[in-house]
């Protein structure tokens, strides 16, 4: 019996030692691979690639889809999100962006309006627009309020009724035959300069950029009247997954706080501002 008791005691001690060794090994594994809550991994995983659809209208997206204010803004935010690798999918119209997101063809998209139906989440406001109505100066149109749009031939961008709100949608609803939306902002410049529209409604800087790149240098910004009917407005990034929206929002807040957000706008748009 004494011998048996001794063997039982030795077995228990050995089992306890094995348990301590297993616990130590598990702790070491957690330290090495970040398995425990709040423990940073000692190794660096490859960043997860996110495919982001972007637009097709300069100066916010350039013709090649590589540069432009909004592309640069997205890159600056992703630089603060090292866990993700950015892959831009350029040259998509507003409607194509929504279809691609909702179908799951891409992970996220730029320039989504607040009223657009999407399968996913929106970020905080990201992209600032200065929407205005623009007429030819020689037409001497008086456009001080939305009601003044009645009876005018209007050309604007895809989704304008969603983006500019219900009051705008109601103001143009009674003249649907004289209202048209186009996926190409340069067509708004052509319509106004050629007299096939009375008013172009859209972002001021998109119009001025289109005017600047036209083949006819005789048409200048001074030949048009700017009617400021709308406050500055914003569109959003949208992602399929909520965690991507949250990561983007956190990085965007950092960019705004640093002053880099406003600096990017000034860098890209200063040369287009009337009088600059």
C-alpha atoms as a PDB file:
ATOM      1  CA  UNK A   1       0.000   0.000   0.000  1.00  0.00           C
ATOM      2  CA  UNK A   2       2.817   2.391   0.769  1.00  0.00           C
ATOM      3  CA  UNK A   3       4.313   1.770  -2.657  1.00  0.00           C
ATOM      4  CA  UNK A   4       0.970   2.300  -4.337  1.00  0.00           C
ATOM      5  CA  UNK A   5       0.383   5.577  -2.471  1.00  0.00           C
ATOM      6  CA  UNK A   6       3.837   6.750  -3.508  1.00  0.00           C
ATOM      7  CA  UNK A   7       3.091   6.034  -7.169  1.00  0.00           C
ATOM      8  CA  UNK A   8      -0.255   7.888  -6.943  1.00  0.00           C
ATOM      9  CA  UNK A   9       1.500  10.898  -5.408  1.00  0.00           C
ATOM     10  CA  UNK A  10       4.135  10.888  -8.131  1.00  0.00           C
ATOM     11  CA  UNK A  11       1.420  10.633 -10.808  1.00  0.00           C
ATOM     12  CA  UNK A  12      -0.459  13.606  -9.378  1.00  0.00           C
ATOM     13  CA  UNK A  13       2.697  15.706  -9.246  1.00  0.00           C
ATOM     14  CA  UNK A  14       3.523  14.787 -12.842  1.00  0.00           C
ATOM     15  CA  UNK A  15      -0.007  15.663 -13.986  1.00  0.00           C
ATOM     16  CA  UNK A  16       0.180  19.060 -12.219  1.00  0.00           C
ATOM     17  CA  UNK A  17       3.534  19.740 -13.849  1.00  0.00           C
ATOM     18  CA  UNK A  18       2.120  18.905 -17.256  1.00  0.00           C
ATOM     19  CA  UNK A  19      -0.836  21.227 -16.632  1.00  0.00           C
ATOM     20  CA  UNK A  20       1.508  24.087 -15.679  1.00  0.00           C
ATOM     21  CA  UNK A  21       3.601  23.430 -18.773  1.00  0.00           C
ATOM     22  CA  UNK A  22       0.493  23.453 -20.985  1.00  0.00           C
ATOM     23  CA  UNK A  23      -0.661  26.749 -19.433  1.00  0.00           C
ATOM     24  CA  UNK A  24       2.760  28.289 -19.976  1.00  0.00           C
ATOM     25  CA  UNK A  25       2.768  27.105 -23.580  1.00  0.00           C
ATOM     26  CA  UNK A  26      -0.699  28.572 -24.192  1.00  0.00           C
ATOM     27  CA  UNK A  27       0.389  31.919 -22.730  1.00  0.00           C
ATOM     28  CA  UNK A  28       3.501  31.941 -24.893  1.00  0.00           C
ATOM     29  CA  UNK A  29       1.369  31.178 -27.952  1.00  0.00           C
ATOM     30  CA  UNK A  30      -0.954  34.078 -27.083  1.00  0.00           C
ATOM     31  CA  UNK A  31       1.973  36.461 -26.779  1.00  0.00           C
ATOM     32  CA  UNK A  32       3.408  35.309 -30.093  1.00  0.00           C
ATOM     33  CA  UNK A  33       0.190  35.281 -32.146  1.00  0.00           C
ATOM     34  CA  UNK A  34      -2.063  37.793 -30.444  1.00  0.00           C
ATOM     35  CA  UNK A  35      -4.677  35.239 -29.370  1.00  0.00           C
ATOM     36  CA  UNK A  36      -5.474  36.971 -26.087  1.00  0.00           C
ATOM     37  CA  UNK A  37      -7.646  40.074 -25.774  1.00  0.00           C
ATOM     38  CA  UNK A  38      -5.611  43.262 -25.839  1.00  0.00           C
ATOM     39  CA  UNK A  39      -2.378  41.420 -26.719  1.00  0.00           C
ATOM     40  CA  UNK A  40      -0.693  42.703 -29.851  1.00  0.00           C
ATOM     41  CA  UNK A  41       0.679  40.019 -32.174  1.00  0.00           C
ATOM     42  CA  UNK A  42       4.448  39.729 -32.435  1.00  0.00           C
ATOM     43  CA  UNK A  43       4.155  38.963 -36.141  1.00  0.00           C
ATOM     44  CA  UNK A  44       2.701  41.150 -38.872  1.00  0.00           C
ATOM     45  CA  UNK A  45      -0.088  39.733 -41.046  1.00  0.00           C
ATOM     46  CA  UNK A  46      -0.451  40.772 -44.651  1.00  0.00           C
ATOM     47  CA  UNK A  47      -2.956  43.672 -44.944  1.00  0.00           C
ATOM     48  CA  UNK A  48      -6.383  42.727 -46.238  1.00  0.00           C
ATOM     49  CA  UNK A  49      -7.046  44.133 -49.730  1.00  0.00           C
ATOM     50  CA  UNK A  50     -10.195  46.232 -50.190  1.00  0.00           C
ATOM     51  CA  UNK A  51     -11.377  46.930 -53.739  1.00  0.00           C
ATOM     52  CA  UNK A  52     -12.880  50.433 -53.838  1.00  0.00           C
ATOM     53  CA  UNK A  53     -14.932  51.709 -56.778  1.00  0.00           C
ATOM     54  CA  UNK A  54     -14.384  55.362 -57.685  1.00  0.00           C
ATOM     55  CA  UNK A  55     -15.983  57.896 -60.018  1.00  0.00           C
ATOM     56  CA  UNK A  56     -15.307  59.387 -63.406  1.00  0.00           C
ATOM     57  CA  UNK A  57     -15.555  63.158 -63.102  1.00  0.00           C
ATOM     58  CA  UNK A  58     -12.574  65.523 -62.807  1.00  0.00           C
ATOM     59  CA  UNK A  59     -11.242  67.326 -60.856  1.00  0.00           C
ATOM     60  CA  UNK A  60     -12.374  64.919 -58.132  1.00  0.00           C
ATOM     61  CA  UNK A  61     -11.396  61.818 -60.136  1.00  0.00           C
ATOM     62  CA  UNK A  62      -9.040  62.279 -63.061  1.00  0.00           C
ATOM     63  CA  UNK A  63      -9.554  60.745 -66.499  1.00  0.00           C
ATOM     64  CA  UNK A  64      -7.118  57.879 -65.829  1.00  0.00           C
ATOM     65  CA  UNK A  65      -8.752  57.117 -62.502  1.00  0.00           C
ATOM     66  CA  UNK A  66      -5.442  57.417 -60.670  1.00  0.00           C
ATOM     67  CA  UNK A  67      -5.436  60.934 -59.215  1.00  0.00           C
ATOM     68  CA  UNK A  68      -7.812  63.757 -58.383  1.00  0.00           C
ATOM     69  CA  UNK A  69      -8.968  65.212 -55.073  1.00  0.00           C
ATOM     70  CA  UNK A  70     -11.246  62.356 -54.009  1.00  0.00           C
ATOM     71  CA  UNK A  71      -8.727  59.660 -54.952  1.00  0.00           C
ATOM     72  CA  UNK A  72      -6.040  61.478 -52.976  1.00  0.00           C
ATOM     73  CA  UNK A  73      -8.417  61.858 -50.046  1.00  0.00           C
ATOM     74  CA  UNK A  74      -9.187  58.122 -50.061  1.00  0.00           C
ATOM     75  CA  UNK A  75      -5.460  57.320 -50.189  1.00  0.00           C
ATOM     76  CA  UNK A  76      -4.719  59.629 -47.260  1.00  0.00           C
ATOM     77  CA  UNK A  77      -7.399  57.959 -45.148  1.00  0.00           C
ATOM     78  CA  UNK A  78      -6.203  54.455 -46.050  1.00  0.00           C
ATOM     79  CA  UNK A  79      -2.650  55.466 -45.112  1.00  0.00           C
ATOM     80  CA  UNK A  80      -4.040  55.641 -41.567  1.00  0.00           C
ATOM     81  CA  UNK A  81      -5.547  52.152 -41.941  1.00  0.00           C
ATOM     82  CA  UNK A  82      -2.436  49.933 -42.223  1.00  0.00           C
ATOM     83  CA  UNK A  83      -4.480  46.771 -41.698  1.00  0.00           C
ATOM     84  CA  UNK A  84      -5.969  47.290 -45.178  1.00  0.00           C
ATOM     85  CA  UNK A  85      -4.459  47.475 -48.656  1.00  0.00           C
ATOM     86  CA  UNK A  86      -6.269  49.872 -51.015  1.00  0.00           C
ATOM     87  CA  UNK A  87      -7.065  48.822 -54.582  1.00  0.00           C
ATOM     88  CA  UNK A  88      -8.925  51.449 -56.634  1.00  0.00           C
ATOM     89  CA  UNK A  89     -11.404  50.378 -59.317  1.00  0.00           C
ATOM     90  CA  UNK A  90     -11.755  53.614 -61.335  1.00  0.00           C
ATOM     91  CA  UNK A  91     -13.977  55.216 -63.939  1.00  0.00           C
ATOM     92  CA  UNK A  92     -17.426  54.145 -62.708  1.00  0.00           C
ATOM     93  CA  UNK A  93     -20.605  56.211 -63.005  1.00  0.00           C
ATOM     94  CA  UNK A  94     -22.737  56.861 -59.924  1.00  0.00           C
ATOM     95  CA  UNK A  95     -25.242  54.179 -60.916  1.00  0.00           C
ATOM     96  CA  UNK A  96     -22.539  51.596 -61.696  1.00  0.00           C
ATOM     97  CA  UNK A  97     -20.981  52.174 -58.280  1.00  0.00           C
ATOM     98  CA  UNK A  98     -24.233  51.337 -56.523  1.00  0.00           C
ATOM     99  CA  UNK A  99     -24.819  48.215 -58.628  1.00  0.00           C
ATOM    100  CA  UNK A 100     -21.277  46.964 -58.020  1.00  0.00           C
ATOM    101  CA  UNK A 101     -21.550  47.478 -54.260  1.00  0.00           C
ATOM    102  CA  UNK A 102     -24.973  45.875 -53.945  1.00  0.00           C
ATOM    103  CA  UNK A 103     -23.925  42.861 -56.005  1.00  0.00           C
ATOM    104  CA  UNK A 104     -20.798  42.324 -53.899  1.00  0.00           C
ATOM    105  CA  UNK A 105     -18.513  42.830 -56.900  1.00  0.00           C
ATOM    106  CA  UNK A 106     -16.424  45.280 -54.864  1.00  0.00           C
ATOM    107  CA  UNK A 107     -15.844  45.931 -51.156  1.00  0.00           C
ATOM    108  CA  UNK A 108     -16.619  49.637 -51.069  1.00  0.00           C
ATOM    109  CA  UNK A 109     -17.423  52.675 -53.200  1.00  0.00           C
ATOM    110  CA  UNK A 110     -16.833  56.407 -53.141  1.00  0.00           C
ATOM    111  CA  UNK A 111     -19.399  59.182 -53.542  1.00  0.00           C
ATOM    112  CA  UNK A 112     -22.615  57.564 -52.305  1.00  0.00           C
ATOM    113  CA  UNK A 113     -25.576  59.849 -51.601  1.00  0.00           C
ATOM    114  CA  UNK A 114     -27.570  59.793 -48.375  1.00  0.00           C
ATOM    115  CA  UNK A 115     -30.785  58.707 -50.097  1.00  0.00           C
ATOM    116  CA  UNK A 116     -29.259  55.923 -52.177  1.00  0.00           C
ATOM    117  CA  UNK A 117     -30.403  52.383 -51.374  1.00  0.00           C
ATOM    118  CA  UNK A 118     -27.338  50.243 -50.640  1.00  0.00           C
ATOM    119  CA  UNK A 119     -26.501  46.807 -49.293  1.00  0.00           C
ATOM    120  CA  UNK A 120     -24.010  47.785 -46.606  1.00  0.00           C
ATOM    121  CA  UNK A 121     -23.129  50.795 -44.479  1.00  0.00           C
ATOM    122  CA  UNK A 122     -22.296  54.460 -45.023  1.00  0.00           C
ATOM    123  CA  UNK A 123     -19.385  56.225 -43.406  1.00  0.00           C
ATOM    124  CA  UNK A 124     -19.433  59.673 -41.881  1.00  0.00           C
ATOM    125  CA  UNK A 125     -19.657  62.475 -44.508  1.00  0.00           C
ATOM    126  CA  UNK A 126     -16.494  62.488 -46.628  1.00  0.00           C
ATOM    127  CA  UNK A 127     -16.691  64.296 -49.966  1.00  0.00           C
ATOM    128  CA  UNK A 128     -17.676  67.968 -49.982  1.00  0.00           C
ATOM    129  CA  UNK A 129     -19.502  69.510 -52.942  1.00  0.00           C
ATOM    130  CA  UNK A 130     -20.375  73.113 -53.734  1.00  0.00           C
ATOM    131  CA  UNK A 131     -23.498  72.667 -55.842  1.00  0.00           C
ATOM    132  CA  UNK A 132     -24.781  75.729 -57.678  1.00  0.00           C
ATOM    133  CA  UNK A 133     -26.963  76.683 -60.625  1.00  0.00           C
ATOM    134  CA  UNK A 134     -25.063  78.254 -63.525  1.00  0.00           C
ATOM    135  CA  UNK A 135     -26.501  80.274 -66.401  1.00  0.00           C
ATOM    136  CA  UNK A 136     -25.029  82.173 -69.337  1.00  0.00           C
ATOM    137  CA  UNK A 137     -24.430  85.785 -68.318  1.00  0.00           C
ATOM    138  CA  UNK A 138     -26.021  87.061 -71.525  1.00  0.00           C
ATOM    139  CA  UNK A 139     -29.300  85.312 -70.656  1.00  0.00           C
ATOM    140  CA  UNK A 140     -29.711  87.625 -67.635  1.00  0.00           C
ATOM    141  CA  UNK A 141     -31.701  84.981 -65.786  1.00  0.00           C
ATOM    142  CA  UNK A 142     -32.794  85.772 -62.237  1.00  0.00           C
ATOM    143  CA  UNK A 143     -32.460  82.599 -60.161  1.00  0.00           C
ATOM    144  CA  UNK A 144     -32.487  83.396 -56.455  1.00  0.00           C
ATOM    145  CA  UNK A 145     -34.593  80.520 -55.111  1.00  0.00           C
ATOM    146  CA  UNK A 146     -35.693  77.031 -56.087  1.00  0.00           C
ATOM    147  CA  UNK A 147     -39.054  78.249 -57.382  1.00  0.00           C
ATOM    148  CA  UNK A 148     -37.159  80.194 -60.047  1.00  0.00           C
ATOM    149  CA  UNK A 149     -36.165  76.893 -61.674  1.00  0.00           C
ATOM    150  CA  UNK A 150     -39.704  76.462 -63.012  1.00  0.00           C
ATOM    151  CA  UNK A 151     -39.913  76.605 -66.800  1.00  0.00           C
ATOM    152  CA  UNK A 152     -36.126  76.406 -67.286  1.00  0.00           C
ATOM    153  CA  UNK A 153     -34.289  73.830 -69.378  1.00  0.00           C
ATOM    154  CA  UNK A 154     -32.095  72.134 -66.784  1.00  0.00           C
ATOM    155  CA  UNK A 155     -29.169  69.770 -67.213  1.00  0.00           C
ATOM    156  CA  UNK A 156     -27.615  68.163 -64.155  1.00  0.00           C
ATOM    157  CA  UNK A 157     -25.768  65.072 -62.934  1.00  0.00           C
ATOM    158  CA  UNK A 158     -26.974  61.529 -62.261  1.00  0.00           C
ATOM    159  CA  UNK A 159     -28.830  61.279 -58.961  1.00  0.00           C
ATOM    160  CA  UNK A 160     -29.244  65.036 -58.460  1.00  0.00           C
ATOM    161  CA  UNK A 161     -32.804  64.673 -57.166  1.00  0.00           C
ATOM    162  CA  UNK A 162     -31.575  62.304 -54.445  1.00  0.00           C
ATOM    163  CA  UNK A 163     -28.553  64.382 -53.546  1.00  0.00           C
ATOM    164  CA  UNK A 164     -30.140  67.846 -53.540  1.00  0.00           C
ATOM    165  CA  UNK A 165     -33.207  66.812 -51.601  1.00  0.00           C
ATOM    166  CA  UNK A 166     -36.991  66.834 -51.842  1.00  0.00           C
ATOM    167  CA  UNK A 167     -37.377  70.597 -52.274  1.00  0.00           C
ATOM    168  CA  UNK A 168     -35.228  70.492 -55.409  1.00  0.00           C
ATOM    169  CA  UNK A 169     -37.023  67.391 -56.698  1.00  0.00           C
ATOM    170  CA  UNK A 170     -40.389  69.132 -56.270  1.00  0.00           C
ATOM    171  CA  UNK A 171     -39.130  72.318 -57.959  1.00  0.00           C
ATOM    172  CA  UNK A 172     -38.221  70.459 -61.160  1.00  0.00           C
ATOM    173  CA  UNK A 173     -40.980  67.825 -61.084  1.00  0.00           C
ATOM    174  CA  UNK A 174     -43.550  69.850 -63.036  1.00  0.00           C
ATOM    175  CA  UNK A 175     -41.155  70.355 -65.947  1.00  0.00           C
ATOM    176  CA  UNK A 176     -39.862  66.821 -66.399  1.00  0.00           C
ATOM    177  CA  UNK A 177     -39.556  67.188 -70.170  1.00  0.00           C
ATOM    178  CA  UNK A 178     -37.115  70.067 -69.663  1.00  0.00           C
ATOM    179  CA  UNK A 179     -35.073  68.306 -66.992  1.00  0.00           C
ATOM    180  CA  UNK A 180     -32.313  65.811 -67.808  1.00  0.00           C
ATOM    181  CA  UNK A 181     -29.501  64.085 -65.973  1.00  0.00           C
ATOM    182  CA  UNK A 182     -26.227  63.034 -67.569  1.00  0.00           C
ATOM    183  CA  UNK A 183     -23.429  60.673 -66.431  1.00  0.00           C
ATOM    184  CA  UNK A 184     -20.802  62.926 -68.044  1.00  0.00           C
ATOM    185  CA  UNK A 185     -20.327  66.340 -66.369  1.00  0.00           C
ATOM    186  CA  UNK A 186     -18.653  67.758 -69.477  1.00  0.00           C
ATOM    187  CA  UNK A 187     -22.000  67.396 -71.256  1.00  0.00           C
ATOM    188  CA  UNK A 188     -23.394  69.991 -68.841  1.00  0.00           C
ATOM    189  CA  UNK A 189     -20.749  72.462 -69.983  1.00  0.00           C
ATOM    190  CA  UNK A 190     -21.514  71.706 -73.641  1.00  0.00           C
ATOM    191  CA  UNK A 191     -25.272  72.069 -73.142  1.00  0.00           C
ATOM    192  CA  UNK A 192     -24.923  75.481 -71.516  1.00  0.00           C
ATOM    193  CA  UNK A 193     -22.337  76.888 -73.925  1.00  0.00           C
ATOM    194  CA  UNK A 194     -24.280  75.625 -76.954  1.00  0.00           C
ATOM    195  CA  UNK A 195     -27.595  76.988 -75.688  1.00  0.00           C
ATOM    196  CA  UNK A 196     -29.449  73.673 -75.365  1.00  0.00           C
ATOM    197  CA  UNK A 197     -29.936  74.289 -71.629  1.00  0.00           C
ATOM    198  CA  UNK A 198     -30.766  77.403 -69.617  1.00  0.00           C
ATOM    199  CA  UNK A 199     -29.199  76.171 -66.391  1.00  0.00           C
ATOM    200  CA  UNK A 200     -26.539  73.677 -65.419  1.00  0.00           C
ATOM    201  CA  UNK A 201     -26.886  72.432 -61.873  1.00  0.00           C
ATOM    202  CA  UNK A 202     -23.971  70.745 -60.189  1.00  0.00           C
ATOM    203  CA  UNK A 203     -20.690  71.238 -58.415  1.00  0.00           C
ATOM    204  CA  UNK A 204     -19.024  74.571 -59.181  1.00  0.00           C
ATOM    205  CA  UNK A 205     -15.525  73.122 -59.485  1.00  0.00           C
ATOM    206  CA  UNK A 206     -16.555  70.302 -61.797  1.00  0.00           C
ATOM    207  CA  UNK A 207     -18.086  72.894 -64.124  1.00  0.00           C
ATOM    208  CA  UNK A 208     -15.064  75.220 -63.952  1.00  0.00           C
ATOM    209  CA  UNK A 209     -12.701  72.315 -64.617  1.00  0.00           C
ATOM    210  CA  UNK A 210     -14.768  71.290 -67.635  1.00  0.00           C
ATOM    211  CA  UNK A 211     -14.715  74.854 -68.900  1.00  0.00           C
ATOM    212  CA  UNK A 212     -10.949  75.036 -68.470  1.00  0.00           C
ATOM    213  CA  UNK A 213     -10.330  71.861 -70.457  1.00  0.00           C
ATOM    214  CA  UNK A 214     -12.580  72.747 -73.413  1.00  0.00           C
ATOM    215  CA  UNK A 215     -10.985  73.187 -76.819  1.00  0.00           C
ATOM    216  CA  UNK A 216     -12.420  76.713 -77.139  1.00  0.00           C
ATOM    217  CA  UNK A 217     -10.348  79.024 -74.904  1.00  0.00           C
ATOM    218  CA  UNK A 218     -12.545  82.018 -75.780  1.00  0.00           C
ATOM    219  CA  UNK A 219     -15.246  80.791 -73.373  1.00  0.00           C
ATOM    220  CA  UNK A 220     -14.257  81.897 -69.887  1.00  0.00           C
ATOM    221  CA  UNK A 221     -15.754  81.694 -66.414  1.00  0.00           C
ATOM    222  CA  UNK A 222     -16.745  85.365 -66.640  1.00  0.00           C
ATOM    223  CA  UNK A 223     -19.251  84.495 -69.362  1.00  0.00           C
ATOM    224  CA  UNK A 224     -21.442  82.734 -66.795  1.00  0.00           C
ATOM    225  CA  UNK A 225     -23.478  83.692 -63.734  1.00  0.00           C
ATOM    226  CA  UNK A 226     -23.307  81.562 -60.599  1.00  0.00           C
ATOM    227  CA  UNK A 227     -26.542  81.217 -58.624  1.00  0.00           C
ATOM    228  CA  UNK A 228     -25.865  79.910 -55.117  1.00  0.00           C
ATOM    229  CA  UNK A 229     -29.077  78.062 -54.323  1.00  0.00           C
ATOM    230  CA  UNK A 230     -27.652  75.256 -52.198  1.00  0.00           C
ATOM    231  CA  UNK A 231     -25.497  74.932 -49.084  1.00  0.00           C
ATOM    232  CA  UNK A 232     -22.330  72.829 -49.334  1.00  0.00           C
ATOM    233  CA  UNK A 233     -23.249  69.163 -49.215  1.00  0.00           C
ATOM    234  CA  UNK A 234     -21.475  65.872 -48.682  1.00  0.00           C
ATOM    235  CA  UNK A 235     -21.475  62.352 -50.042  1.00  0.00           C
ATOM    236  CA  UNK A 236     -20.133  59.229 -48.374  1.00  0.00           C
ATOM    237  CA  UNK A 237     -18.011  56.165 -48.687  1.00  0.00           C
ATOM    238  CA  UNK A 238     -19.988  52.933 -48.464  1.00  0.00           C
ATOM    239  CA  UNK A 239     -18.761  49.458 -47.597  1.00  0.00           C
ATOM    240  CA  UNK A 240     -20.281  46.007 -47.557  1.00  0.00           C
ATOM    241  CA  UNK A 241     -19.061  45.370 -43.993  1.00  0.00           C
ATOM    242  CA  UNK A 242     -19.675  47.526 -40.910  1.00  0.00           C
ATOM    243  CA  UNK A 243     -16.142  47.008 -39.578  1.00  0.00           C
ATOM    244  CA  UNK A 244     -14.763  48.689 -42.694  1.00  0.00           C
ATOM    245  CA  UNK A 245     -17.022  51.712 -42.183  1.00  0.00           C
ATOM    246  CA  UNK A 246     -15.862  51.958 -38.570  1.00  0.00           C
ATOM    247  CA  UNK A 247     -12.176  51.737 -39.495  1.00  0.00           C
ATOM    248  CA  UNK A 248     -12.620  54.367 -42.220  1.00  0.00           C
ATOM    249  CA  UNK A 249     -14.468  56.742 -39.869  1.00  0.00           C
ATOM    250  CA  UNK A 250     -11.696  56.504 -37.285  1.00  0.00           C
ATOM    251  CA  UNK A 251      -8.998  57.273 -39.850  1.00  0.00           C
ATOM    252  CA  UNK A 252     -11.057  60.091 -41.419  1.00  0.00           C
ATOM    253  CA  UNK A 253     -11.426  61.764 -38.002  1.00  0.00           C
ATOM    254  CA  UNK A 254      -7.651  61.679 -37.605  1.00  0.00           C
ATOM    255  CA  UNK A 255      -7.175  63.240 -41.047  1.00  0.00           C
ATOM    256  CA  UNK A 256      -9.606  66.063 -40.271  1.00  0.00           C
ATOM    257  CA  UNK A 257      -8.003  66.750 -36.895  1.00  0.00           C
ATOM    258  CA  UNK A 258      -4.547  67.014 -38.451  1.00  0.00           C
ATOM    259  CA  UNK A 259      -5.681  69.687 -40.955  1.00  0.00           C
ATOM    260  CA  UNK A 260      -4.732  67.473 -43.905  1.00  0.00           C
ATOM    261  CA  UNK A 261      -8.367  67.192 -45.062  1.00  0.00           C
ATOM    262  CA  UNK A 262      -8.783  70.941 -45.654  1.00  0.00           C
ATOM    263  CA  UNK A 263      -5.257  71.194 -47.066  1.00  0.00           C
ATOM    264  CA  UNK A 264      -6.135  68.647 -49.773  1.00  0.00           C
ATOM    265  CA  UNK A 265      -9.185  70.649 -50.846  1.00  0.00           C
ATOM    266  CA  UNK A 266      -7.158  73.845 -51.006  1.00  0.00           C
ATOM    267  CA  UNK A 267      -4.369  72.181 -52.977  1.00  0.00           C
ATOM    268  CA  UNK A 268      -6.676  70.771 -55.641  1.00  0.00           C
ATOM    269  CA  UNK A 269      -9.295  73.522 -56.019  1.00  0.00           C
ATOM    270  CA  UNK A 270      -7.450  76.794 -55.465  1.00  0.00           C
ATOM    271  CA  UNK A 271      -6.470  77.198 -59.117  1.00  0.00           C
ATOM    272  CA  UNK A 272     -10.088  76.782 -60.242  1.00  0.00           C
ATOM    273  CA  UNK A 273     -11.666  79.340 -57.918  1.00  0.00           C
ATOM    274  CA  UNK A 274     -12.960  82.455 -59.691  1.00  0.00           C
ATOM    275  CA  UNK A 275     -10.547  85.297 -59.052  1.00  0.00           C
ATOM    276  CA  UNK A 276      -7.630  83.035 -57.987  1.00  0.00           C
END
